Amino acid sequence: MKASELREMSEEQLRATLHETKEHLFRLRIQSQTERLDAPSELRKQRKLIARIMTLQGERARAAAAAERGA
């Protein structure tokens, strides 16, 4: 998922996507410990997606705080 797609999402959708991605990463980690992964690169992709979502949430929080101070 690209950053531009994430920016179009609402805050609620971002939270849901973050939750699903964290669960998926957890399942991948368990699978990597118990059996062979089909695509080991999927672990990195999920971590990067989590980072993108959290960065976007932080940007939005800072923008909201700046708007409150400015108003």
PDB file of N, CA and C in Angstrom:
ATOM      1  N   MET A   1       0.850  -1.174   0.000  1.00  0.00           N
ATOM      2  CA  MET A   1       0.000   0.000   0.000  1.00  0.00           C
ATOM      3  C   MET A   1       0.897   1.240   0.000  1.00  0.00           C
ATOM      4  N   LYS A   2       0.575   2.169  -0.860  1.00  0.00           N
ATOM      5  CA  LYS A   2       1.392   3.363  -1.001  1.00  0.00           C
ATOM      6  C   LYS A   2       0.972   4.431   0.004  1.00  0.00           C
ATOM      7  N   ALA A   3       1.879   5.364   0.247  1.00  0.00           N
ATOM      8  CA  ALA A   3       1.609   6.450   1.186  1.00  0.00           C
ATOM      9  C   ALA A   3       0.440   7.303   0.693  1.00  0.00           C
ATOM     10  N   SER A   4       0.329   7.487  -0.613  1.00  0.00           N
ATOM     11  CA  SER A   4      -0.768   8.291  -1.153  1.00  0.00           C
ATOM     12  C   SER A   4      -2.117   7.629  -0.863  1.00  0.00           C
ATOM     13  N   GLU A   5      -2.157   6.309  -0.916  1.00  0.00           N
ATOM     14  CA  GLU A   5      -3.393   5.587  -0.589  1.00  0.00           C
ATOM     15  C   GLU A   5      -3.723   5.751   0.894  1.00  0.00           C
ATOM     16  N   LEU A   6      -2.686   5.724   1.726  1.00  0.00           N
ATOM     17  CA  LEU A   6      -2.908   5.862   3.164  1.00  0.00           C
ATOM     18  C   LEU A   6      -3.408   7.270   3.502  1.00  0.00           C
ATOM     19  N   ARG A   7      -2.889   8.276   2.805  1.00  0.00           N
ATOM     20  CA  ARG A   7      -3.290   9.655   3.076  1.00  0.00           C
ATOM     21  C   ARG A   7      -4.768   9.901   2.777  1.00  0.00           C
ATOM     22  N   GLU A   8      -5.320   9.124   1.867  1.00  0.00           N
ATOM     23  CA  GLU A   8      -6.733   9.267   1.504  1.00  0.00           C
ATOM     24  C   GLU A   8      -7.668   8.635   2.532  1.00  0.00           C
ATOM     25  N   MET A   9      -7.122   7.819   3.415  1.00  0.00           N
ATOM     26  CA  MET A   9      -7.941   7.116   4.409  1.00  0.00           C
ATOM     27  C   MET A   9      -8.302   8.034   5.570  1.00  0.00           C
ATOM     28  N   SER A  10      -9.439   7.714   6.193  1.00  0.00           N
ATOM     29  CA  SER A  10      -9.826   8.440   7.396  1.00  0.00           C
ATOM     30  C   SER A  10      -9.018   7.905   8.574  1.00  0.00           C
ATOM     31  N   GLU A  11      -9.097   8.597   9.691  1.00  0.00           N
ATOM     32  CA  GLU A  11      -8.352   8.179  10.881  1.00  0.00           C
ATOM     33  C   GLU A  11      -8.801   6.796  11.349  1.00  0.00           C
ATOM     34  N   GLU A  12     -10.097   6.538  11.271  1.00  0.00           N
ATOM     35  CA  GLU A  12     -10.642   5.242  11.692  1.00  0.00           C
ATOM     36  C   GLU A  12     -10.132   4.127  10.775  1.00  0.00           C
ATOM     37  N   GLN A  13     -10.091   4.378   9.483  1.00  0.00           N
ATOM     38  CA  GLN A  13      -9.580   3.386   8.546  1.00  0.00           C
ATOM     39  C   GLN A  13      -8.098   3.119   8.784  1.00  0.00           C
ATOM     40  N   LEU A  14      -7.348   4.172   9.104  1.00  0.00           N
ATOM     41  CA  LEU A  14      -5.924   3.999   9.398  1.00  0.00           C
ATOM     42  C   LEU A  14      -5.728   3.128  10.627  1.00  0.00           C
ATOM     43  N   ARG A  15      -6.522   3.387  11.672  1.00  0.00           N
ATOM     44  CA  ARG A  15      -6.407   2.580  12.889  1.00  0.00           C
ATOM     45  C   ARG A  15      -6.705   1.117  12.605  1.00  0.00           C
ATOM     46  N   ALA A  16      -7.756   0.868  11.808  1.00  0.00           N
ATOM     47  CA  ALA A  16      -8.119  -0.510  11.477  1.00  0.00           C
ATOM     48  C   ALA A  16      -7.027  -1.181  10.648  1.00  0.00           C
ATOM     49  N   THR A  17      -6.472  -0.463   9.695  1.00  0.00           N
ATOM     50  CA  THR A  17      -5.397  -1.005   8.862  1.00  0.00           C
ATOM     51  C   THR A  17      -4.164  -1.295   9.698  1.00  0.00           C
ATOM     52  N   LEU A  18      -3.849  -0.400  10.612  1.00  0.00           N
ATOM     53  CA  LEU A  18      -2.697  -0.608  11.498  1.00  0.00           C
ATOM     54  C   LEU A  18      -2.897  -1.859  12.344  1.00  0.00           C
ATOM     55  N   HIS A  19      -4.079  -2.019  12.899  1.00  0.00           N
ATOM     56  CA  HIS A  19      -4.381  -3.186  13.731  1.00  0.00           C
ATOM     57  C   HIS A  19      -4.247  -4.475  12.917  1.00  0.00           C
ATOM     58  N   GLU A  20      -4.827  -4.494  11.719  1.00  0.00           N
ATOM     59  CA  GLU A  20      -4.758  -5.683  10.862  1.00  0.00           C
ATOM     60  C   GLU A  20      -3.312  -5.993  10.468  1.00  0.00           C
ATOM     61  N   THR A  21      -2.549  -4.962  10.158  1.00  0.00           N
ATOM     62  CA  THR A  21      -1.172  -5.158   9.746  1.00  0.00           C
ATOM     63  C   THR A  21      -0.327  -5.704  10.882  1.00  0.00           C
ATOM     64  N   LYS A  22      -0.545  -5.193  12.094  1.00  0.00           N
ATOM     65  CA  LYS A  22       0.196  -5.705  13.248  1.00  0.00           C
ATOM     66  C   LYS A  22      -0.139  -7.173  13.506  1.00  0.00           C
ATOM     67  N   GLU A  23      -1.416  -7.526  13.362  1.00  0.00           N
ATOM     68  CA  GLU A  23      -1.810  -8.927  13.539  1.00  0.00           C
ATOM     69  C   GLU A  23      -1.161  -9.811  12.481  1.00  0.00           C
ATOM     70  N   HIS A  24      -1.160  -9.326  11.240  1.00  0.00           N
ATOM     71  CA  HIS A  24      -0.556 -10.093  10.157  1.00  0.00           C
ATOM     72  C   HIS A  24       0.946 -10.285  10.396  1.00  0.00           C
ATOM     73  N   LEU A  25       1.628  -9.234  10.836  1.00  0.00           N
ATOM     74  CA  LEU A  25       3.053  -9.330  11.140  1.00  0.00           C
ATOM     75  C   LEU A  25       3.293 -10.339  12.267  1.00  0.00           C
ATOM     76  N   PHE A  26       2.441 -10.327  13.277  1.00  0.00           N
ATOM     77  CA  PHE A  26       2.571 -11.279  14.378  1.00  0.00           C
ATOM     78  C   PHE A  26       2.453 -12.711  13.867  1.00  0.00           C
ATOM     79  N   ARG A  27       1.441 -12.955  13.013  1.00  0.00           N
ATOM     80  CA  ARG A  27       1.263 -14.301  12.464  1.00  0.00           C
ATOM     81  C   ARG A  27       2.464 -14.708  11.609  1.00  0.00           C
ATOM     82  N   LEU A  28       3.003 -13.767  10.847  1.00  0.00           N
ATOM     83  CA  LEU A  28       4.183 -14.067  10.033  1.00  0.00           C
ATOM     84  C   LEU A  28       5.389 -14.409  10.900  1.00  0.00           C
ATOM     85  N   ARG A  29       5.560 -13.685  11.993  1.00  0.00           N
ATOM     86  CA  ARG A  29       6.683 -13.972  12.892  1.00  0.00           C
ATOM     87  C   ARG A  29       6.561 -15.361  13.507  1.00  0.00           C
ATOM     88  N   ILE A  30       5.347 -15.712  13.925  1.00  0.00           N
ATOM     89  CA  ILE A  30       5.121 -17.052  14.488  1.00  0.00           C
ATOM     90  C   ILE A  30       5.401 -18.099  13.424  1.00  0.00           C
ATOM     91  N   GLN A  31       4.900 -17.869  12.216  1.00  0.00           N
ATOM     92  CA  GLN A  31       5.115 -18.812  11.127  1.00  0.00           C
ATOM     93  C   GLN A  31       6.599 -18.945  10.792  1.00  0.00           C
ATOM     94  N   SER A  32       7.325 -17.845  10.854  1.00  0.00           N
ATOM     95  CA  SER A  32       8.757 -17.912  10.539  1.00  0.00           C
ATOM     96  C   SER A  32       9.518 -18.728  11.570  1.00  0.00           C
ATOM     97  N   GLN A  33       9.024 -18.764  12.791  1.00  0.00           N
ATOM     98  CA  GLN A  33       9.688 -19.542  13.838  1.00  0.00           C
ATOM     99  C   GLN A  33       9.320 -21.023  13.775  1.00  0.00           C
ATOM    100  N   THR A  34       8.116 -21.324  13.304  1.00  0.00           N
ATOM    101  CA  THR A  34       7.651 -22.707  13.326  1.00  0.00           C
ATOM    102  C   THR A  34       7.819 -23.423  11.996  1.00  0.00           C
ATOM    103  N   GLU A  35       7.816 -22.691  10.902  1.00  0.00           N
ATOM    104  CA  GLU A  35       7.965 -23.312   9.592  1.00  0.00           C
ATOM    105  C   GLU A  35       8.613 -22.327   8.629  1.00  0.00           C
ATOM    106  N   ARG A  36       8.813 -22.778   7.428  1.00  0.00           N
ATOM    107  CA  ARG A  36       9.469 -21.952   6.417  1.00  0.00           C
ATOM    108  C   ARG A  36       8.456 -20.998   5.787  1.00  0.00           C
ATOM    109  N   LEU A  37       8.850 -19.725   5.667  1.00  0.00           N
ATOM    110  CA  LEU A  37       7.986 -18.730   5.038  1.00  0.00           C
ATOM    111  C   LEU A  37       8.079 -18.831   3.521  1.00  0.00           C
ATOM    112  N   ASP A  38       6.950 -18.607   2.848  1.00  0.00           N
ATOM    113  CA  ASP A  38       6.952 -18.593   1.384  1.00  0.00           C
ATOM    114  C   ASP A  38       7.683 -17.353   0.877  1.00  0.00           C
ATOM    115  N   ALA A  39       7.443 -16.227   1.543  1.00  0.00           N
ATOM    116  CA  ALA A  39       8.048 -14.960   1.127  1.00  0.00           C
ATOM    117  C   ALA A  39       8.604 -14.234   2.356  1.00  0.00           C
ATOM    118  N   PRO A  40       9.860 -14.464   2.686  1.00  0.00           N
ATOM    119  CA  PRO A  40      10.444 -13.792   3.849  1.00  0.00           C
ATOM    120  C   PRO A  40      10.418 -12.272   3.743  1.00  0.00           C
ATOM    121  N   SER A  41      10.375 -11.749   2.523  1.00  0.00           N
ATOM    122  CA  SER A  41      10.334 -10.297   2.331  1.00  0.00           C
ATOM    123  C   SER A  41       9.024  -9.702   2.840  1.00  0.00           C
ATOM    124  N   GLU A  42       8.025 -10.534   3.051  1.00  0.00           N
ATOM    125  CA  GLU A  42       6.730 -10.054   3.550  1.00  0.00           C
ATOM    126  C   GLU A  42       6.875  -9.452   4.948  1.00  0.00           C
ATOM    127  N   LEU A  43       7.797  -9.972   5.749  1.00  0.00           N
ATOM    128  CA  LEU A  43       8.037  -9.406   7.080  1.00  0.00           C
ATOM    129  C   LEU A  43       8.459  -7.941   6.964  1.00  0.00           C
ATOM    130  N   ARG A  44       9.396  -7.658   6.084  1.00  0.00           N
ATOM    131  CA  ARG A  44       9.883  -6.293   5.896  1.00  0.00           C
ATOM    132  C   ARG A  44       8.770  -5.392   5.362  1.00  0.00           C
ATOM    133  N   LYS A  45       7.982  -5.898   4.429  1.00  0.00           N
ATOM    134  CA  LYS A  45       6.885  -5.111   3.859  1.00  0.00           C
ATOM    135  C   LYS A  45       5.883  -4.698   4.942  1.00  0.00           C
ATOM    136  N   GLN A  46       5.566  -5.632   5.829  1.00  0.00           N
ATOM    137  CA  GLN A  46       4.595  -5.337   6.883  1.00  0.00           C
ATOM    138  C   GLN A  46       5.160  -4.326   7.879  1.00  0.00           C
ATOM    139  N   ARG A  47       6.439  -4.464   8.226  1.00  0.00           N
ATOM    140  CA  ARG A  47       7.064  -3.502   9.142  1.00  0.00           C
ATOM    141  C   ARG A  47       7.068  -2.104   8.535  1.00  0.00           C
ATOM    142  N   LYS A  48       7.371  -2.014   7.246  1.00  0.00           N
ATOM    143  CA  LYS A  48       7.404  -0.716   6.583  1.00  0.00           C
ATOM    144  C   LYS A  48       6.007  -0.102   6.510  1.00  0.00           C
ATOM    145  N   LEU A  49       4.998  -0.930   6.274  1.00  0.00           N
ATOM    146  CA  LEU A  49       3.627  -0.425   6.230  1.00  0.00           C
ATOM    147  C   LEU A  49       3.216   0.126   7.595  1.00  0.00           C
ATOM    148  N   ILE A  50       3.574  -0.588   8.658  1.00  0.00           N
ATOM    149  CA  ILE A  50       3.280  -0.116  10.012  1.00  0.00           C
ATOM    150  C   ILE A  50       3.960   1.232  10.251  1.00  0.00           C
ATOM    151  N   ALA A  51       5.203   1.350   9.832  1.00  0.00           N
ATOM    152  CA  ALA A  51       5.932   2.607  10.003  1.00  0.00           C
ATOM    153  C   ALA A  51       5.278   3.739   9.221  1.00  0.00           C
ATOM    154  N   ARG A  52       4.833   3.457   7.995  1.00  0.00           N
ATOM    155  CA  ARG A  52       4.163   4.486   7.189  1.00  0.00           C
ATOM    156  C   ARG A  52       2.886   4.978   7.874  1.00  0.00           C
ATOM    157  N   ILE A  53       2.096   4.034   8.376  1.00  0.00           N
ATOM    158  CA  ILE A  53       0.836   4.395   9.022  1.00  0.00           C
ATOM    159  C   ILE A  53       1.105   5.226  10.272  1.00  0.00           C
ATOM    160  N   MET A  54       2.071   4.788  11.090  1.00  0.00           N
ATOM    161  CA  MET A  54       2.363   5.513  12.319  1.00  0.00           C
ATOM    162  C   MET A  54       2.931   6.901  12.023  1.00  0.00           C
ATOM    163  N   THR A  55       3.714   7.024  10.971  1.00  0.00           N
ATOM    164  CA  THR A  55       4.249   8.330  10.575  1.00  0.00           C
ATOM    165  C   THR A  55       3.110   9.252  10.162  1.00  0.00           C
ATOM    166  N   LEU A  56       2.192   8.736   9.368  1.00  0.00           N
ATOM    167  CA  LEU A  56       1.056   9.538   8.928  1.00  0.00           C
ATOM    168  C   LEU A  56       0.183   9.961  10.109  1.00  0.00           C
ATOM    169  N   GLN A  57      -0.034   9.065  11.057  1.00  0.00           N
ATOM    170  CA  GLN A  57      -0.809   9.412  12.244  1.00  0.00           C
ATOM    171  C   GLN A  57      -0.107  10.508  13.043  1.00  0.00           C
ATOM    172  N   GLY A  58       1.209  10.430  13.141  1.00  0.00           N
ATOM    173  CA  GLY A  58       1.972  11.454  13.852  1.00  0.00           C
ATOM    174  C   GLY A  58       1.883  12.801  13.146  1.00  0.00           C
ATOM    175  N   GLU A  59       1.955  12.784  11.819  1.00  0.00           N
ATOM    176  CA  GLU A  59       1.838  14.025  11.051  1.00  0.00           C
ATOM    177  C   GLU A  59       0.485  14.670  11.297  1.00  0.00           C
ATOM    178  N   ARG A  60      -0.554  13.842  11.272  1.00  0.00           N
ATOM    179  CA  ARG A  60      -1.906  14.369  11.484  1.00  0.00           C
ATOM    180  C   ARG A  60      -2.068  14.919  12.897  1.00  0.00           C
ATOM    181  N   ALA A  61      -1.492  14.241  13.874  1.00  0.00           N
ATOM    182  CA  ALA A  61      -1.590  14.702  15.258  1.00  0.00           C
ATOM    183  C   ALA A  61      -0.871  16.026  15.429  1.00  0.00           C
ATOM    184  N   ARG A  62       0.316  16.152  14.830  1.00  0.00           N
ATOM    185  CA  ARG A  62       1.059  17.415  14.925  1.00  0.00           C
ATOM    186  C   ARG A  62       0.328  18.539  14.208  1.00  0.00           C
ATOM    187  N   ALA A  63      -0.287  18.234  13.074  1.00  0.00           N
ATOM    188  CA  ALA A  63      -1.037  19.257  12.334  1.00  0.00           C
ATOM    189  C   ALA A  63      -2.253  19.719  13.145  1.00  0.00           C
ATOM    190  N   ALA A  64      -2.914  18.782  13.810  1.00  0.00           N
ATOM    191  CA  ALA A  64      -4.070  19.131  14.626  1.00  0.00           C
ATOM    192  C   ALA A  64      -3.648  19.989  15.822  1.00  0.00           C
ATOM    193  N   ALA A  65      -2.519  19.642  16.429  1.00  0.00           N
ATOM    194  CA  ALA A  65      -2.018  20.409  17.575  1.00  0.00           C
ATOM    195  C   ALA A  65      -1.619  21.814  17.134  1.00  0.00           C
ATOM    196  N   ALA A  66      -1.007  21.929  15.967  1.00  0.00           N
ATOM    197  CA  ALA A  66      -0.607  23.239  15.463  1.00  0.00           C
ATOM    198  C   ALA A  66      -1.839  24.088  15.126  1.00  0.00           C
ATOM    199  N   ALA A  67      -2.887  23.439  14.626  1.00  0.00           N
ATOM    200  CA  ALA A  67      -4.115  24.166  14.292  1.00  0.00           C
ATOM    201  C   ALA A  67      -4.795  24.677  15.569  1.00  0.00           C
ATOM    202  N   GLU A  68      -4.726  23.880  16.641  1.00  0.00           N
ATOM    203  CA  GLU A  68      -5.318  24.288  17.904  1.00  0.00           C
ATOM    204  C   GLU A  68      -4.568  25.482  18.501  1.00  0.00           C
ATOM    205  N   ARG A  69      -3.248  25.438  18.413  1.00  0.00           N
ATOM    206  CA  ARG A  69      -2.451  26.546  18.944  1.00  0.00           C
ATOM    207  C   ARG A  69      -2.647  27.813  18.123  1.00  0.00           C
ATOM    208  N   GLY A  70      -2.803  27.646  16.819  1.00  0.00           N
ATOM    209  CA  GLY A  70      -2.961  28.786  15.938  1.00  0.00           C
ATOM    210  C   GLY A  70      -4.344  29.405  16.009  1.00  0.00           C
ATOM    211  N   ALA A  71      -5.320  28.636  16.415  1.00  0.00           N
ATOM    212  CA  ALA A  71      -6.710  29.142  16.428  1.00  0.00           C
ATOM    213  C   ALA A  71      -7.034  29.915  17.671  1.00  0.00           C
TER     214      ALA A  71
END
